[in-house]
Structure formats: structure tokens, C-alpha cells
Amino acid sequence: MPNLSKLIAGRNEVLFKEFHELAVSSQANAGEYDPDLVDPCVFGIVIDTDDLVVPYGLREAGIRAKIVDGEIDFDTLDLAIEYRLRGLDVMLEIADGDVIEDMGNLVSVAASTKISLSFLPPEDNSDEAFERYCLRVEDATRAYLNQPNMQQFVLPVTSYLEYMYLELLNPERAKTFQPDDEYMIRIFHQGMTVDRSDAMKARIRTIVHDHYDGEDGFREVALDLVGAICQTVDSSVAALAPAPETKTVETKRKPRTTKAGTRKTPAKASDTSAK
């Protein structure tokens, strides 16, 4: 896990330029020092400084949250909000041993600050630790479902919820689905056995179905959601499409007749009335 202070110092823009010039002058592999090649995503960042400088080249940050008295401490939240204001995607990683007093409040804070959450699996392989973790994931699932304005990730809940949507909408694709997100693979797939992963997912599924009054209720909500998305896309496309050209067809008026015979069509208002 990288310390924030070392990450800032190691990604200083001036240092990168100096390294790049050194590499070019020594005819070494310049690409090794190219600032464009620096990894834009870093997770597991440990806060060891109050410096709010964004490490050079960082675009997505996973910050190990400090929990004090059951809540995220000020330093963690201050850094996360500062990064968000500077355009970074931010995820707070919460260790299994950290006690969360109010999961609903935590998810509410994350929703209002547009910060994602990741509940890390336990390093302890005991059954007791796994059961404690599953209870936390269940609690996080309920909090997420009850927070309608939460648009960010709540891992591993949202990842499996996406799979449940896929399972309904494209069952054949779901049968062969394999995650390709490196973070999900490293933290959640390699971090626990297949049996435990399946057991955890089953408990998430149960909470989701209970929230929507059963599997049929979830199916109805999922289909309504897809229908709303399709309607929004259609409306957006229609708004962007150029309006069809309309041709004005000029019709000639027939001259009016009177008992005295044929009368010429009256002149337009813009015409002169007398000569």
C-alpha cells in the first residue's frame, strides 16, 4: 500500500521532467520516465500527511479510509472531497476490521459527495471472519438500495447487482460472463475462495429480492429501468437529429367570378394598388 506522502513526492511534475531529460540525454529508454505512461489509477493509498496536493498524473484514487468512532474521520473525507473537486474518481476502501456504526449514514455521505465505497474482504480466513464480512455486505446492500441518489459504486454490492441485471436481460451472456476489472479480480475474486464468493453473492441476491418484494418484483423493476433508458436514448437521438427539410408548395388561386364575368386575382398586400 503506497503512502500518500511518497506518492506525492514520487509524482512531482518537475521530477518527471528531469527524469525524462536525463533519459533522453543518456540515450536510455525515455519511455520509462514518460509522465504520460504513469499509472493513472492507484488504490490502497494510506494517508500519512495533510498535504492535499494531487499526485501528478493521478486520475482515480482508492483511499484507505480512517474510521474513528464508527465514522469516516475528517482527514479522509477532506482529502476525498478535494480530489473529487479536482476531477478525480475517488473510492474509499474500508477494511474489514473497521466498525461502521451507521451504514445508512455512510452511504448517504458517499452519495452526497459522489464518492464510491469498497468494503474489503477479511484477511483472516476463519469462518467467523467471513460471516462477519457477509453481515457487513448485507448491511451495505440494504443501505445502497435505500439510497436512490447513490450513483457511485458500493463494492462488492453494485458489481453483483450489475450481473443480476445481465442475468435477466441476457441469460446466455450471463452464463459465460467473466469480470475483466483488475480491481474486482484482485480484491474480491482472488481475495476469497469460489465457494465463499458464491455464498456471499447468494446473500446479496436474497437482500435484493426482499427489497423488491421477490424475484418477480426485481424483474419488473429491471425491465422498467431498461425501458426508461431506451426511451431516454431515443429522445436524445431525436433531439440531436437534424429536422427534416420541408418544401413549401405554392398553389395558384383560381380567379373569382361574378355575374359580370371573370375578375382578376387581387394583388398582394405588398403590391402597389394603383398606377
Protein backbone atom coordinates (compact mmCIF):
# COMPACT_ATOMS: atom_id res chain seq x y z
CA MET A 1 0.00 0.00 0.00
CA PRO A 2 1.52 3.33 -1.07
CA ASN A 3 1.82 6.16 1.44
CA LEU A 4 0.30 9.40 0.21
CA SER A 5 3.43 11.44 1.05
CA LYS A 6 5.66 9.19 -1.06
CA LEU A 7 3.11 9.15 -3.86
CA ILE A 8 3.08 12.95 -3.99
CA ALA A 9 6.87 13.21 -3.88
CA GLY A 10 7.40 10.49 -6.47
CA ARG A 11 4.91 12.02 -8.89
CA ASN A 12 6.10 15.59 -8.74
CA GLU A 13 5.83 17.08 -12.24
CA VAL A 14 9.25 18.74 -12.06
CA LEU A 15 10.93 15.46 -11.10
CA PHE A 16 9.26 13.69 -14.01
CA LYS A 17 10.54 16.30 -16.45
CA GLU A 18 14.05 15.99 -15.03
CA PHE A 19 13.93 12.20 -15.31
CA HIS A 20 12.70 12.50 -18.88
CA GLU A 21 15.56 14.87 -19.84
CA LEU A 22 18.07 12.59 -18.13
CA ALA A 23 16.79 9.58 -20.02
CA VAL A 24 16.99 11.39 -23.37
CA SER A 25 20.47 12.78 -22.72
CA SER A 26 21.81 9.37 -21.70
CA GLN A 27 20.05 7.67 -24.63
CA ALA A 28 18.27 5.40 -22.18
CA ASN A 29 14.71 4.18 -22.53
CA ALA A 30 12.92 7.51 -22.42
CA GLY A 31 9.54 5.83 -22.21
CA GLU A 32 10.39 4.59 -18.74
CA TYR A 33 10.22 8.16 -17.47
CA ASP A 34 7.46 9.45 -19.73
CA PRO A 35 4.86 11.12 -17.47
CA ASP A 36 2.14 10.08 -19.90
CA LEU A 37 2.86 6.45 -19.02
CA VAL A 38 2.39 6.83 -15.26
CA ASP A 39 -0.42 4.67 -13.88
CA PRO A 40 -3.45 6.97 -13.53
CA CYS A 41 -5.18 4.59 -11.09
CA VAL A 42 -3.74 3.89 -7.64
CA PHE A 43 -5.56 2.06 -4.86
CA GLY A 44 -4.76 1.35 -1.24
CA ILE A 45 -3.42 4.85 -0.61
CA VAL A 46 -2.59 5.33 3.07
CA ILE A 47 -2.99 8.89 4.40
CA ASP A 48 0.19 9.88 6.26
CA THR A 49 0.18 13.61 5.51
CA ASP A 50 -2.27 16.51 5.48
CA ASP A 51 -1.00 17.60 2.06
CA LEU A 52 -3.94 17.93 -0.34
CA VAL A 53 -1.80 18.10 -3.50
CA VAL A 54 -2.98 15.67 -6.17
CA PRO A 55 -0.12 13.33 -7.14
CA TYR A 56 0.97 14.09 -10.70
CA GLY A 57 -0.90 12.05 -13.31
CA LEU A 58 -3.41 10.56 -10.86
CA ARG A 59 -6.95 10.22 -12.20
CA GLU A 60 -8.51 7.57 -9.95
CA ALA A 61 -7.67 7.08 -6.28
CA GLY A 62 -8.55 4.35 -3.81
CA ILE A 63 -8.01 5.78 -0.33
CA ARG A 64 -7.82 3.61 2.77
CA ALA A 65 -10.43 5.20 4.98
CA LYS A 66 -9.68 6.00 8.61
CA ILE A 67 -12.65 5.18 10.81
CA VAL A 68 -12.99 6.97 14.14
CA ASP A 69 -15.89 6.22 16.50
CA GLY A 70 -17.70 4.36 13.75
CA GLU A 71 -17.49 7.17 11.19
CA ILE A 72 -15.08 8.36 8.48
CA ASP A 73 -12.63 10.79 10.04
CA PHE A 74 -12.19 14.37 8.87
CA ASP A 75 -8.79 13.89 7.18
CA THR A 76 -10.07 11.06 5.00
CA LEU A 77 -13.23 12.90 3.96
CA ASP A 78 -11.36 16.16 3.40
CA LEU A 79 -8.86 14.50 1.06
CA ALA A 80 -11.58 12.57 -0.80
CA ILE A 81 -13.68 15.68 -1.37
CA GLU A 82 -10.64 17.69 -2.51
CA TYR A 83 -9.78 15.01 -5.06
CA ARG A 84 -13.37 14.93 -6.31
CA LEU A 85 -13.39 18.71 -6.74
CA ARG A 86 -10.24 18.36 -8.84
CA GLY A 87 -11.97 15.89 -11.15
CA LEU A 88 -10.65 12.56 -9.81
CA ASP A 89 -12.73 9.43 -9.34
CA VAL A 90 -12.44 8.53 -5.66
CA MET A 91 -13.12 5.31 -3.80
CA LEU A 92 -12.91 4.91 -0.03
CA GLU A 93 -11.66 1.46 0.88
CA ILE A 94 -12.95 0.24 4.24
CA ALA A 95 -11.06 -2.55 6.00
CA ASP A 96 -12.95 -5.47 7.47
CA GLY A 97 -11.83 -4.67 11.00
CA ASP A 98 -13.20 -1.12 10.94
CA VAL A 99 -16.50 -0.79 12.78
CA ILE A 100 -19.24 1.19 11.00
CA GLU A 101 -21.88 2.44 13.39
CA ASP A 102 -24.41 3.64 10.80
CA MET A 103 -24.14 2.12 7.34
CA GLY A 104 -27.04 4.20 6.02
CA ASN A 105 -25.31 7.42 7.03
CA LEU A 106 -22.04 6.27 5.44
CA VAL A 107 -23.74 5.55 2.10
CA SER A 108 -25.64 8.84 2.34
CA VAL A 109 -22.40 10.78 2.80
CA ALA A 110 -20.83 8.92 -0.13
CA ALA A 111 -23.85 9.73 -2.31
CA SER A 112 -23.78 13.44 -1.50
CA THR A 113 -20.03 13.71 -2.17
CA LYS A 114 -20.08 11.39 -5.23
CA ILE A 115 -17.54 9.03 -3.69
CA SER A 116 -17.53 5.25 -4.21
CA LEU A 117 -17.15 2.72 -1.41
CA SER A 118 -15.31 -0.59 -1.31
CA PHE A 119 -15.77 -2.98 1.62
CA LEU A 120 -12.61 -5.06 1.63
CA PRO A 121 -12.84 -8.77 2.45
CA PRO A 122 -11.12 -10.00 5.62
CA GLU A 123 -7.52 -11.13 5.61
CA ASP A 124 -8.50 -13.63 8.30
CA ASN A 125 -9.62 -16.86 6.61
CA SER A 126 -11.69 -18.10 9.55
CA ASP A 127 -15.40 -18.86 9.20
CA GLU A 128 -16.16 -16.30 11.88
CA ALA A 129 -14.42 -13.53 9.94
CA PHE A 130 -16.23 -14.48 6.75
CA GLU A 131 -19.60 -14.49 8.49
CA ARG A 132 -18.89 -11.05 9.93
CA TYR A 133 -17.99 -9.82 6.46
CA CYS A 134 -21.18 -11.21 4.91
CA LEU A 135 -23.24 -9.41 7.56
CA ARG A 136 -21.48 -6.16 6.61
CA VAL A 137 -22.13 -6.75 2.90
CA GLU A 138 -25.80 -7.41 3.65
CA ASP A 139 -25.96 -4.17 5.63
CA ALA A 140 -24.26 -2.28 2.77
CA THR A 141 -26.71 -3.81 0.26
CA ARG A 142 -29.72 -2.58 2.22
CA ALA A 143 -28.21 0.88 2.63
CA TYR A 144 -27.42 1.11 -1.10
CA LEU A 145 -30.92 0.06 -2.15
CA ASN A 146 -32.45 2.59 0.23
CA GLN A 147 -30.30 5.44 -1.11
CA PRO A 148 -31.86 6.26 -4.51
CA ASN A 149 -29.41 9.07 -5.34
CA MET A 150 -26.31 6.88 -4.91
CA GLN A 151 -24.75 6.85 -8.39
CA GLN A 152 -21.29 5.61 -7.43
CA PHE A 153 -20.03 2.09 -6.74
CA VAL A 154 -20.57 0.23 -3.49
CA LEU A 155 -18.37 -2.83 -3.88
CA PRO A 156 -18.96 -5.73 -3.98
CA VAL A 157 -22.71 -4.97 -3.97
CA THR A 158 -23.07 -2.98 -7.20
CA SER A 159 -20.82 -5.34 -9.13
CA TYR A 160 -23.05 -8.31 -8.40
CA LEU A 161 -26.20 -6.25 -8.91
CA GLU A 162 -24.99 -5.47 -12.43
CA TYR A 163 -24.61 -9.21 -13.00
CA MET A 164 -28.18 -9.78 -11.79
CA TYR A 165 -29.42 -7.27 -14.39
CA LEU A 166 -27.38 -9.03 -17.07
CA GLU A 167 -28.78 -12.37 -15.97
CA LEU A 168 -32.32 -11.12 -16.60
CA LEU A 169 -31.70 -9.29 -19.84
CA ASN A 170 -29.21 -11.64 -21.49
CA PRO A 171 -29.16 -15.07 -19.80
CA GLU A 172 -26.83 -16.62 -22.40
CA ARG A 173 -24.28 -13.84 -21.98
CA ALA A 174 -24.51 -14.19 -18.21
CA LYS A 175 -23.58 -17.88 -18.36
CA THR A 176 -20.16 -17.09 -19.80
CA PHE A 177 -19.60 -13.74 -18.10
CA GLN A 178 -16.16 -13.19 -16.60
CA PRO A 179 -15.15 -9.97 -14.82
CA ASP A 180 -12.36 -8.05 -16.52
CA ASP A 181 -11.91 -5.26 -13.97
CA GLU A 182 -8.47 -5.67 -12.41
CA TYR A 183 -9.56 -4.24 -9.07
CA MET A 184 -12.52 -6.61 -8.76
CA ILE A 185 -10.40 -9.59 -9.73
CA ARG A 186 -7.56 -8.79 -7.34
CA ILE A 187 -9.62 -7.76 -4.32
CA PHE A 188 -12.78 -9.82 -4.49
CA HIS A 189 -12.08 -12.83 -6.72
CA GLN A 190 -8.56 -13.61 -5.65
CA GLY A 191 -9.31 -12.48 -2.11
CA MET A 192 -11.70 -15.34 -1.31
CA THR A 193 -12.50 -18.89 -2.44
CA VAL A 194 -15.13 -19.60 -5.09
CA ASP A 195 -17.43 -21.24 -2.53
CA ARG A 196 -17.27 -18.22 -0.23
CA SER A 197 -17.73 -15.83 -3.14
CA ASP A 198 -20.83 -17.72 -4.27
CA ALA A 199 -22.19 -17.76 -0.72
CA MET A 200 -21.72 -14.00 -0.41
CA LYS A 201 -23.40 -13.37 -3.77
CA ALA A 202 -26.36 -15.53 -2.74
CA ARG A 203 -26.86 -13.36 0.33
CA ILE A 204 -26.75 -10.19 -1.79
CA ARG A 205 -29.34 -11.72 -4.12
CA THR A 206 -31.63 -12.50 -1.19
CA ILE A 207 -31.46 -8.91 0.09
CA VAL A 208 -32.16 -7.52 -3.40
CA HIS A 209 -35.18 -9.79 -3.93
CA ASP A 210 -36.54 -8.96 -0.47
CA HIS A 211 -36.20 -5.24 -1.22
CA TYR A 212 -38.27 -5.57 -4.40
CA ASP A 213 -40.86 -7.96 -2.91
CA GLY A 214 -39.48 -11.05 -4.59
CA GLU A 215 -37.77 -12.14 -7.78
CA ASP A 216 -40.74 -11.08 -9.93
CA GLY A 217 -40.64 -7.61 -8.40
CA PHE A 218 -36.95 -7.28 -9.19
CA ARG A 219 -37.57 -8.46 -12.76
CA GLU A 220 -40.28 -5.84 -13.21
CA VAL A 221 -38.04 -3.07 -11.87
CA ALA A 222 -35.13 -4.20 -14.07
CA LEU A 223 -37.26 -4.22 -17.22
CA ASP A 224 -38.78 -0.83 -16.36
CA LEU A 225 -35.28 0.55 -15.88
CA VAL A 226 -34.13 -0.71 -19.25
CA GLY A 227 -37.26 0.68 -20.88
CA ALA A 228 -36.64 4.09 -19.32
CA ILE A 229 -33.02 4.05 -20.53
CA CYS A 230 -34.08 3.15 -24.07
CA GLN A 231 -36.69 5.90 -24.06
CA THR A 232 -34.12 8.44 -22.85
CA VAL A 233 -31.65 7.37 -25.55
CA ASP A 234 -34.33 7.60 -28.25
CA SER A 235 -35.29 11.08 -27.07
CA SER A 236 -31.66 12.20 -27.03
CA VAL A 237 -31.05 10.85 -30.53
CA ALA A 238 -34.20 12.55 -31.80
CA ALA A 239 -33.09 15.83 -30.28
CA LEU A 240 -29.69 15.60 -31.96
CA ALA A 241 -31.05 14.58 -35.35
CA PRO A 242 -31.49 17.44 -37.85
CA ALA A 243 -35.06 18.45 -38.51
CA PRO A 244 -36.40 17.19 -41.87
CA GLU A 245 -36.48 19.76 -44.61
CA THR A 246 -39.95 20.92 -45.56
CA LYS A 247 -40.77 22.16 -49.04
CA THR A 248 -43.30 24.90 -49.46
CA VAL A 249 -45.69 24.12 -52.28
CA GLU A 250 -47.08 27.25 -53.86
CA THR A 251 -50.60 26.89 -55.11
CA LYS A 252 -52.29 29.24 -57.51
CA ARG A 253 -55.62 30.64 -56.52
CA LYS A 254 -58.39 30.36 -59.03
CA PRO A 255 -59.81 33.68 -60.17
CA ARG A 256 -63.15 34.53 -58.63
CA THR A 257 -66.12 35.00 -60.90
CA THR A 258 -69.11 37.23 -60.60
CA LYS A 259 -72.22 37.65 -62.59
CA ALA A 260 -70.40 40.27 -64.59
CA GLY A 261 -67.76 37.79 -65.64
CA THR A 262 -64.19 36.98 -64.63
CA ARG A 263 -62.31 39.12 -62.04
CA LYS A 264 -58.56 39.16 -61.74
CA THR A 265 -56.96 37.76 -58.54
CA PRO A 266 -56.45 40.63 -56.04
CA ALA A 267 -52.94 41.97 -55.66
CA LYS A 268 -50.83 41.01 -52.54
CA ALA A 269 -50.66 43.50 -49.73
CA SER A 270 -47.13 44.45 -50.73
CA ASP A 271 -48.13 45.26 -54.28
CA THR A 272 -48.93 48.83 -55.32
CA SER A 273 -52.65 49.30 -55.59
CA ALA A 274 -52.68 51.99 -58.25
CA LYS A 275 -50.53 53.01 -61.11
